[in-house]
């Protein structure tokens, strides 16, 4: 199953995703998709290095559908923002 690497940015706590160019981006649509266990493992090494550099914290992989949507509700919420106030978070911009 395809996966995406996520973490929280240390400077502001924002949920971020690793992009193909190595940058940490706020939108899941811009995230790099890892399609094999070996790719996922390399992504985790990048996340660990970013943690040592104090850029992010708690990097981990999560499963996405072939359409690029998170499988688990936790990641759906992390991608969109708070569920109690739709006028806040990333969903407010939609």
Protein backbone atom coordinates (compact mmCIF):
# COMPACT_ATOMS: atom_id res chain seq x y z
CA UNK A 1 0.00 0.00 0.00
CA UNK A 2 1.37 3.49 -0.79
CA UNK A 3 2.53 5.58 2.14
CA UNK A 4 3.37 9.18 3.05
CA UNK A 5 5.84 10.44 5.66
CA UNK A 6 4.43 12.92 8.16
CA UNK A 7 5.69 14.77 11.23
CA UNK A 8 5.14 17.98 13.19
CA UNK A 9 7.30 21.03 12.51
CA UNK A 10 9.11 22.07 15.68
CA UNK A 11 8.90 25.82 15.06
CA UNK A 12 5.09 25.95 15.19
CA UNK A 13 3.71 22.41 15.64
CA UNK A 14 2.14 22.35 12.18
CA UNK A 15 1.51 18.96 10.57
CA UNK A 16 3.93 18.55 7.66
CA UNK A 17 4.66 15.99 4.96
CA UNK A 18 7.88 15.12 3.16
CA UNK A 19 7.80 16.29 -0.46
CA UNK A 20 9.70 14.78 -3.39
CA UNK A 21 12.30 17.57 -3.25
CA UNK A 22 13.05 16.89 0.44
CA UNK A 23 11.13 19.91 1.72
CA UNK A 24 8.51 19.63 4.47
CA UNK A 25 5.16 20.83 3.11
CA UNK A 26 1.82 21.53 4.81
CA UNK A 27 -0.46 19.99 2.16
CA UNK A 28 -0.78 16.24 1.80
CA UNK A 29 -1.37 16.69 -1.94
CA UNK A 30 2.25 17.85 -2.28
CA UNK A 31 3.69 14.90 -0.32
CA UNK A 32 5.99 12.28 -1.82
CA UNK A 33 4.30 8.90 -2.12
CA UNK A 34 6.40 5.89 -1.12
CA UNK A 35 5.31 2.84 -3.09
CA UNK A 36 7.60 0.16 -1.67
CA UNK A 37 8.92 -0.82 1.76
CA UNK A 38 12.47 0.13 0.67
CA UNK A 39 11.31 3.63 -0.35
CA UNK A 40 9.45 3.99 2.93
CA UNK A 41 12.57 2.99 4.86
CA UNK A 42 14.60 5.65 3.03
CA UNK A 43 11.92 8.19 3.91
CA UNK A 44 12.16 7.27 7.57
CA UNK A 45 15.92 7.88 7.42
CA UNK A 46 15.25 11.36 6.01
CA UNK A 47 12.75 11.96 8.81
CA UNK A 48 15.24 10.81 11.46
CA UNK A 49 17.86 13.18 10.04
CA UNK A 50 15.38 16.08 10.15
CA UNK A 51 14.58 15.20 13.77
CA UNK A 52 18.30 15.33 14.64
CA UNK A 53 18.47 18.75 12.93
CA UNK A 54 15.53 19.87 15.12
CA UNK A 55 13.32 20.67 12.13
CA UNK A 56 10.53 18.19 12.90
CA UNK A 57 9.43 15.74 15.56
CA UNK A 58 7.81 12.28 15.46
CA UNK A 59 8.24 11.35 11.80
CA UNK A 60 6.28 8.28 10.73
CA UNK A 61 4.73 6.68 7.67
CA UNK A 62 1.01 6.18 7.15
CA UNK A 63 -1.03 4.39 4.50
CA UNK A 64 -2.90 6.22 1.76
CA UNK A 65 -5.35 5.02 -0.87
CA UNK A 66 -4.32 4.88 -4.54
CA UNK A 67 -6.19 8.19 -4.89
CA UNK A 68 -3.87 9.78 -2.31
CA UNK A 69 -6.30 9.99 0.61
CA UNK A 70 -5.37 8.84 4.12
CA UNK A 71 -6.77 5.45 5.13
CA UNK A 72 -7.13 6.17 8.86
CA UNK A 73 -9.34 8.86 10.37
CA UNK A 74 -6.45 10.18 12.48
CA UNK A 75 -4.58 11.17 9.32
CA UNK A 76 -7.70 12.60 7.69
CA UNK A 77 -8.08 14.92 10.68
CA UNK A 78 -4.35 15.80 10.75
CA UNK A 79 -4.53 16.68 7.04
CA UNK A 80 -7.61 18.91 7.39
CA UNK A 81 -7.38 20.50 10.83
CA UNK A 82 -9.71 20.71 13.84
CA UNK A 83 -13.05 18.93 13.57
CA UNK A 84 -14.94 21.20 15.95
CA UNK A 85 -14.37 24.47 14.07
CA UNK A 86 -14.49 24.20 10.29
CA UNK A 87 -13.51 27.88 10.04
CA UNK A 88 -10.04 27.03 11.40
CA UNK A 89 -7.24 24.87 10.10
CA UNK A 90 -6.51 23.78 6.58
CA UNK A 91 -10.16 23.05 5.77
CA UNK A 92 -10.98 26.75 6.20
CA UNK A 93 -9.05 27.51 3.02
CA UNK A 94 -11.09 25.05 0.93
